[in-house]
Every structure is written in C-alpha cells, then in structure tokens.
Amino acid sequence: MTNKDNINEDDYVYDSLCMLTTVIFMVSVLFIKKKQKKMFKLIDEAVVSVSDFTIMINNIPKFENEDTIKDFIENSIPGV
C-alpha cells in the first residue's frame, strides 16, 4: 500500500476546509478592494490637496527671472 491509500476522510475534510477558506479570503479581498476604491474616490472629491493645483512643465526654455516664466506659462497654457 502507498501513502495515497492511507489518506483517510479527515484529510479530505481538512483539505476541503483549507480550499474553502482560501476562496472566501480571496473573495473578501476583492470585495474590500472595491470598497476601498469607492472610499478613496469620495475622500479625494471631498478634500482639497496641493496635488489638485499642481502642474508639471517639462522642456521649457531657460528664463532670466520669475516674471518671464510666469508670462510664458500664462501665454502658453489657456485658462491660466
């Protein structure tokens, strides 16, 4: 007889419960992830942060002072 033949009913119950626990855990994680996304979106809409008013500008020419940078941005980006 091999080891496979010696597996009793308790081992099948244990394995089944482990599988069921894993599936429940995975479904719970997906459910919590969905709820978290909704919560983060609500918080982001309710709270004003610095990133709401921050822009990043790349490859602008070199300027002599801050006023020329400000004029460049105001003339290059509509609505500023």
Protein backbone atom coordinates (compact mmCIF):
# COMPACT_ATOMS: atom_id res chain seq x y z
CA MET A 1 0.00 0.00 0.00
CA THR A 2 1.13 3.50 -0.76
CA ASN A 3 0.65 6.69 1.20
CA LYS A 4 -2.21 7.70 -1.08
CA ASP A 5 -4.13 4.66 0.01
CA ASN A 6 -3.70 5.64 3.69
CA ILE A 7 -5.39 9.03 3.31
CA ASN A 8 -8.46 8.98 5.47
CA GLU A 9 -11.64 11.01 5.45
CA ASP A 10 -10.27 13.58 7.92
CA ASP A 11 -7.60 14.59 5.44
CA TYR A 12 -10.22 15.24 2.77
CA VAL A 13 -12.24 17.34 5.20
CA TYR A 14 -9.14 19.30 6.18
CA ASP A 15 -8.15 19.88 2.56
CA SER A 16 -11.69 20.94 1.66
CA LEU A 17 -11.82 23.42 4.55
CA CYS A 18 -8.45 24.86 3.54
CA MET A 19 -9.68 25.33 -0.02
CA LEU A 20 -12.94 26.91 1.18
CA THR A 21 -11.05 29.26 3.49
CA THR A 22 -8.75 30.31 0.65
CA VAL A 23 -11.67 31.02 -1.69
CA ILE A 24 -13.52 33.02 0.98
CA PHE A 25 -10.36 35.00 1.70
CA MET A 26 -9.82 35.81 -1.99
CA VAL A 27 -13.44 36.93 -2.45
CA SER A 28 -13.16 39.06 0.70
CA VAL A 29 -10.02 40.75 -0.59
CA LEU A 30 -11.74 41.60 -3.88
CA PHE A 31 -14.77 42.97 -2.03
CA ILE A 32 -12.61 45.09 0.29
CA LYS A 33 -10.58 46.39 -2.66
CA LYS A 34 -13.75 47.55 -4.40
CA LYS A 35 -14.98 49.28 -1.23
CA GLN A 36 -11.58 50.95 -0.75
CA LYS A 37 -11.63 52.41 -4.26
CA LYS A 38 -15.06 53.94 -3.62
CA MET A 39 -13.93 55.33 -0.27
CA PHE A 40 -10.71 56.81 -1.72
CA LYS A 41 -12.69 58.45 -4.52
CA LEU A 42 -15.15 60.01 -2.06
CA ILE A 43 -12.32 61.28 0.14
CA ASP A 44 -10.43 62.68 -2.85
CA GLU A 45 -13.52 64.57 -4.01
CA ALA A 46 -14.18 65.95 -0.52
CA VAL A 47 -10.64 67.04 0.35
CA VAL A 48 -8.66 69.73 -1.45
CA SER A 49 -4.95 68.97 -1.58
CA VAL A 50 -1.85 70.50 -3.10
CA SER A 51 -1.86 67.95 -5.92
CA ASP A 52 -5.22 69.32 -7.09
CA PHE A 53 -3.45 72.57 -8.04
CA THR A 54 -0.05 71.29 -9.12
CA ILE A 55 1.21 71.08 -12.69
CA MET A 56 4.48 69.79 -14.07
CA ILE A 57 6.07 71.54 -17.02
CA ASN A 58 8.91 69.89 -18.93
CA ASN A 59 11.33 71.22 -21.54
CA ILE A 60 10.71 74.92 -21.03
CA PRO A 61 13.38 77.33 -22.24
CA LYS A 62 15.74 79.00 -19.77
CA PHE A 63 14.49 82.31 -18.41
CA GLU A 64 16.23 85.15 -16.66
CA ASN A 65 13.70 85.69 -13.88
CA GLU A 66 10.41 84.50 -12.42
CA ASP A 67 8.32 87.11 -14.23
CA THR A 68 9.31 85.80 -17.66
CA ILE A 69 8.47 82.25 -16.54
CA LYS A 70 5.07 83.46 -15.31
CA ASP A 71 4.40 85.30 -18.59
CA PHE A 72 5.44 82.21 -20.59
CA ILE A 73 3.06 79.96 -18.65
CA GLU A 74 0.15 82.41 -18.83
CA ASN A 75 0.57 82.80 -22.60
CA SER A 76 1.24 79.13 -23.37
CA ILE A 77 -1.49 77.46 -21.31
CA PRO A 78 -5.07 78.58 -21.96
CA GLY A 79 -7.15 79.33 -18.88
CA VAL A 80 -4.22 80.17 -16.59
